[in-house]
């Protein structure tokens, strides 16, 4: 019984105080953007990609962004 109460207490504290986000927001400014859903692929032509959290900007003629392979 004590273990169950302790587990519930730890779980509630974890939900209350831990708010971690593992995603990054990527903004594309481009003339042409193509999104391929089944491959989680975004292709931007004559584009600028901006990641605000890391202060990174990428400019290129063709930018391919694979959502599953993005490392941070």
N, C-alpha and C. Protein backbone atom coordinates (compact mmCIF):
# COMPACT_ATOMS: atom_id res chain seq x y z
N UNK A 1 0.82 -1.19 0.00
CA UNK A 1 0.00 0.00 0.00
C UNK A 1 0.87 1.26 0.00
N UNK A 2 1.95 1.23 0.80
CA UNK A 2 2.83 2.40 0.86
C UNK A 2 3.50 2.63 -0.50
N UNK A 3 3.86 1.55 -1.19
CA UNK A 3 4.49 1.69 -2.49
C UNK A 3 3.55 2.32 -3.51
N UNK A 4 2.30 1.96 -3.43
CA UNK A 4 1.32 2.51 -4.36
C UNK A 4 1.14 4.01 -4.12
N UNK A 5 1.05 4.42 -2.90
CA UNK A 5 0.90 5.84 -2.57
C UNK A 5 2.14 6.62 -3.00
N UNK A 6 3.30 6.04 -2.76
CA UNK A 6 4.55 6.67 -3.17
C UNK A 6 4.62 6.81 -4.69
N UNK A 7 4.21 5.77 -5.41
CA UNK A 7 4.20 5.82 -6.87
C UNK A 7 3.27 6.92 -7.38
N UNK A 8 2.10 7.01 -6.83
CA UNK A 8 1.14 8.04 -7.24
C UNK A 8 1.68 9.43 -6.94
N UNK A 9 2.30 9.60 -5.79
CA UNK A 9 2.87 10.89 -5.41
C UNK A 9 3.99 11.30 -6.36
N UNK A 10 4.89 10.38 -6.65
CA UNK A 10 5.99 10.67 -7.58
C UNK A 10 5.45 10.98 -8.97
N UNK A 11 4.46 10.25 -9.41
CA UNK A 11 3.86 10.47 -10.72
C UNK A 11 3.22 11.86 -10.81
N UNK A 12 2.50 12.27 -9.79
CA UNK A 12 1.87 13.59 -9.80
C UNK A 12 2.91 14.71 -9.76
N UNK A 13 3.96 14.53 -9.00
CA UNK A 13 5.03 15.53 -8.96
C UNK A 13 5.69 15.63 -10.32
N UNK A 14 5.90 14.49 -10.95
CA UNK A 14 6.51 14.47 -12.28
C UNK A 14 5.64 15.23 -13.29
N UNK A 15 4.34 15.00 -13.27
CA UNK A 15 3.44 15.69 -14.19
C UNK A 15 3.37 17.19 -13.91
N UNK A 16 3.49 17.56 -12.67
CA UNK A 16 3.36 18.96 -12.29
C UNK A 16 4.60 19.78 -12.63
N UNK A 17 5.77 19.26 -12.37
CA UNK A 17 6.98 20.07 -12.47
C UNK A 17 7.82 19.82 -13.72
N UNK A 18 7.58 18.76 -14.43
CA UNK A 18 8.40 18.45 -15.60
C UNK A 18 7.60 18.79 -16.86
N UNK A 19 8.11 19.75 -17.60
CA UNK A 19 7.49 20.09 -18.88
C UNK A 19 8.60 20.24 -19.91
N UNK A 20 8.96 19.14 -20.52
CA UNK A 20 10.05 19.11 -21.48
C UNK A 20 9.46 18.90 -22.87
N UNK A 21 9.92 19.68 -23.80
CA UNK A 21 9.49 19.53 -25.18
C UNK A 21 10.67 19.07 -26.01
N UNK A 22 10.49 18.02 -26.80
CA UNK A 22 11.57 17.48 -27.61
C UNK A 22 11.43 17.86 -29.08
N UNK A 23 10.60 18.81 -29.41
CA UNK A 23 10.40 19.17 -30.81
C UNK A 23 11.00 20.53 -31.10
N UNK A 24 11.37 20.71 -32.35
CA UNK A 24 11.88 21.99 -32.81
C UNK A 24 10.98 22.48 -33.91
N UNK A 25 10.78 23.78 -33.95
CA UNK A 25 9.95 24.37 -34.98
C UNK A 25 10.85 24.91 -36.09
N UNK A 26 10.59 24.48 -37.31
CA UNK A 26 11.36 24.91 -38.47
C UNK A 26 10.43 25.74 -39.34
N UNK A 27 10.86 26.96 -39.66
CA UNK A 27 10.07 27.85 -40.50
C UNK A 27 10.71 27.93 -41.88
N UNK A 28 9.91 27.74 -42.91
CA UNK A 28 10.39 27.81 -44.28
C UNK A 28 9.82 29.04 -44.96
N UNK A 29 10.70 29.78 -45.64
CA UNK A 29 10.30 30.88 -46.50
C UNK A 29 10.81 30.52 -47.89
N UNK A 30 9.88 30.25 -48.81
CA UNK A 30 10.30 29.74 -50.11
C UNK A 30 9.31 30.13 -51.19
N UNK A 31 9.78 30.02 -52.43
CA UNK A 31 8.90 30.25 -53.58
C UNK A 31 7.97 29.07 -53.79
N UNK A 32 8.49 27.86 -53.53
CA UNK A 32 7.73 26.64 -53.79
C UNK A 32 8.04 25.64 -52.68
N UNK A 33 7.01 25.11 -52.02
CA UNK A 33 7.18 24.11 -50.97
C UNK A 33 6.35 22.88 -51.33
N UNK A 34 7.00 21.71 -51.30
CA UNK A 34 6.33 20.45 -51.58
C UNK A 34 6.43 19.57 -50.34
N UNK A 35 5.29 19.03 -49.90
CA UNK A 35 5.26 18.18 -48.71
C UNK A 35 4.83 16.78 -49.13
N UNK A 36 5.68 15.79 -48.81
CA UNK A 36 5.39 14.39 -49.13
C UNK A 36 5.08 13.69 -47.79
N UNK A 37 3.81 13.40 -47.56
CA UNK A 37 3.35 12.89 -46.27
C UNK A 37 3.89 11.51 -45.92
N UNK A 38 3.90 10.59 -46.89
CA UNK A 38 4.27 9.21 -46.55
C UNK A 38 5.74 9.05 -46.22
N UNK A 39 6.58 10.02 -46.59
CA UNK A 39 8.01 9.95 -46.28
C UNK A 39 8.43 10.96 -45.22
N UNK A 40 7.50 11.75 -44.71
CA UNK A 40 7.79 12.85 -43.77
C UNK A 40 8.88 13.76 -44.34
N UNK A 41 8.70 14.15 -45.58
CA UNK A 41 9.70 14.93 -46.30
C UNK A 41 9.10 16.26 -46.73
N UNK A 42 9.87 17.33 -46.54
CA UNK A 42 9.50 18.65 -47.02
C UNK A 42 10.61 19.13 -47.93
N UNK A 43 10.24 19.56 -49.14
CA UNK A 43 11.19 20.08 -50.10
C UNK A 43 10.83 21.53 -50.39
N UNK A 44 11.79 22.43 -50.20
CA UNK A 44 11.59 23.86 -50.45
C UNK A 44 12.59 24.33 -51.49
N UNK A 45 12.09 24.98 -52.54
CA UNK A 45 12.94 25.49 -53.61
C UNK A 45 13.15 26.99 -53.45
N UNK A 46 14.40 27.46 -53.70
CA UNK A 46 14.78 28.87 -53.50
C UNK A 46 14.32 29.32 -52.12
N UNK A 47 14.86 28.68 -51.10
CA UNK A 47 14.28 28.79 -49.77
C UNK A 47 15.25 29.28 -48.71
N UNK A 48 14.65 29.66 -47.60
CA UNK A 48 15.34 30.01 -46.37
C UNK A 48 14.65 29.23 -45.26
N UNK A 49 15.41 28.42 -44.54
CA UNK A 49 14.89 27.65 -43.40
C UNK A 49 15.44 28.27 -42.12
N UNK A 50 14.56 28.51 -41.14
CA UNK A 50 14.95 29.18 -39.91
C UNK A 50 14.54 28.32 -38.71
N UNK A 51 15.51 28.07 -37.82
CA UNK A 51 15.25 27.40 -36.55
C UNK A 51 15.56 28.42 -35.46
N UNK A 52 14.52 29.01 -34.89
CA UNK A 52 14.69 30.12 -33.94
C UNK A 52 15.38 29.70 -32.65
N UNK A 53 15.10 28.50 -32.16
CA UNK A 53 15.64 28.06 -30.88
C UNK A 53 17.16 27.99 -30.87
N UNK A 54 17.74 27.65 -32.03
CA UNK A 54 19.19 27.52 -32.13
C UNK A 54 19.84 28.69 -32.87
N UNK A 55 19.07 29.67 -33.28
CA UNK A 55 19.55 30.80 -34.09
C UNK A 55 20.28 30.31 -35.34
N UNK A 56 19.64 29.38 -36.05
CA UNK A 56 20.21 28.80 -37.26
C UNK A 56 19.33 29.19 -38.44
N UNK A 57 19.97 29.65 -39.50
CA UNK A 57 19.24 29.89 -40.74
C UNK A 57 20.02 29.27 -41.89
N UNK A 58 19.30 28.64 -42.79
CA UNK A 58 19.90 27.94 -43.92
C UNK A 58 19.27 28.48 -45.19
N UNK A 59 20.10 28.87 -46.14
CA UNK A 59 19.61 29.38 -47.41
C UNK A 59 20.13 28.49 -48.52
N UNK A 60 19.25 28.14 -49.47
CA UNK A 60 19.68 27.27 -50.55
C UNK A 60 18.68 27.23 -51.69
N UNK A 61 19.14 26.67 -52.80
CA UNK A 61 18.26 26.51 -53.96
C UNK A 61 17.24 25.41 -53.72
N UNK A 62 17.68 24.33 -53.05
CA UNK A 62 16.78 23.22 -52.75
C UNK A 62 17.11 22.71 -51.35
N UNK A 63 16.15 22.80 -50.45
CA UNK A 63 16.33 22.32 -49.07
C UNK A 63 15.38 21.15 -48.86
N UNK A 64 15.95 20.01 -48.43
CA UNK A 64 15.15 18.83 -48.10
C UNK A 64 15.21 18.62 -46.60
N UNK A 65 14.04 18.53 -45.99
CA UNK A 65 13.94 18.35 -44.54
C UNK A 65 13.21 17.04 -44.26
N UNK A 66 13.93 16.06 -43.70
CA UNK A 66 13.34 14.79 -43.30
C UNK A 66 13.00 14.89 -41.82
N UNK A 67 11.73 14.87 -41.50
CA UNK A 67 11.28 15.07 -40.12
C UNK A 67 11.82 14.00 -39.17
N UNK A 68 11.86 12.74 -39.59
CA UNK A 68 12.29 11.66 -38.71
C UNK A 68 13.79 11.65 -38.49
N UNK A 69 14.59 12.18 -39.41
CA UNK A 69 16.04 12.12 -39.32
C UNK A 69 16.66 13.38 -38.75
N UNK A 70 15.87 14.35 -38.34
CA UNK A 70 16.38 15.61 -37.84
C UNK A 70 17.01 15.40 -36.47
N UNK A 71 18.27 15.74 -36.32
CA UNK A 71 18.99 15.56 -35.05
C UNK A 71 19.16 16.91 -34.37
N UNK A 72 19.06 16.90 -33.06
CA UNK A 72 19.30 18.13 -32.28
C UNK A 72 19.93 17.80 -30.98
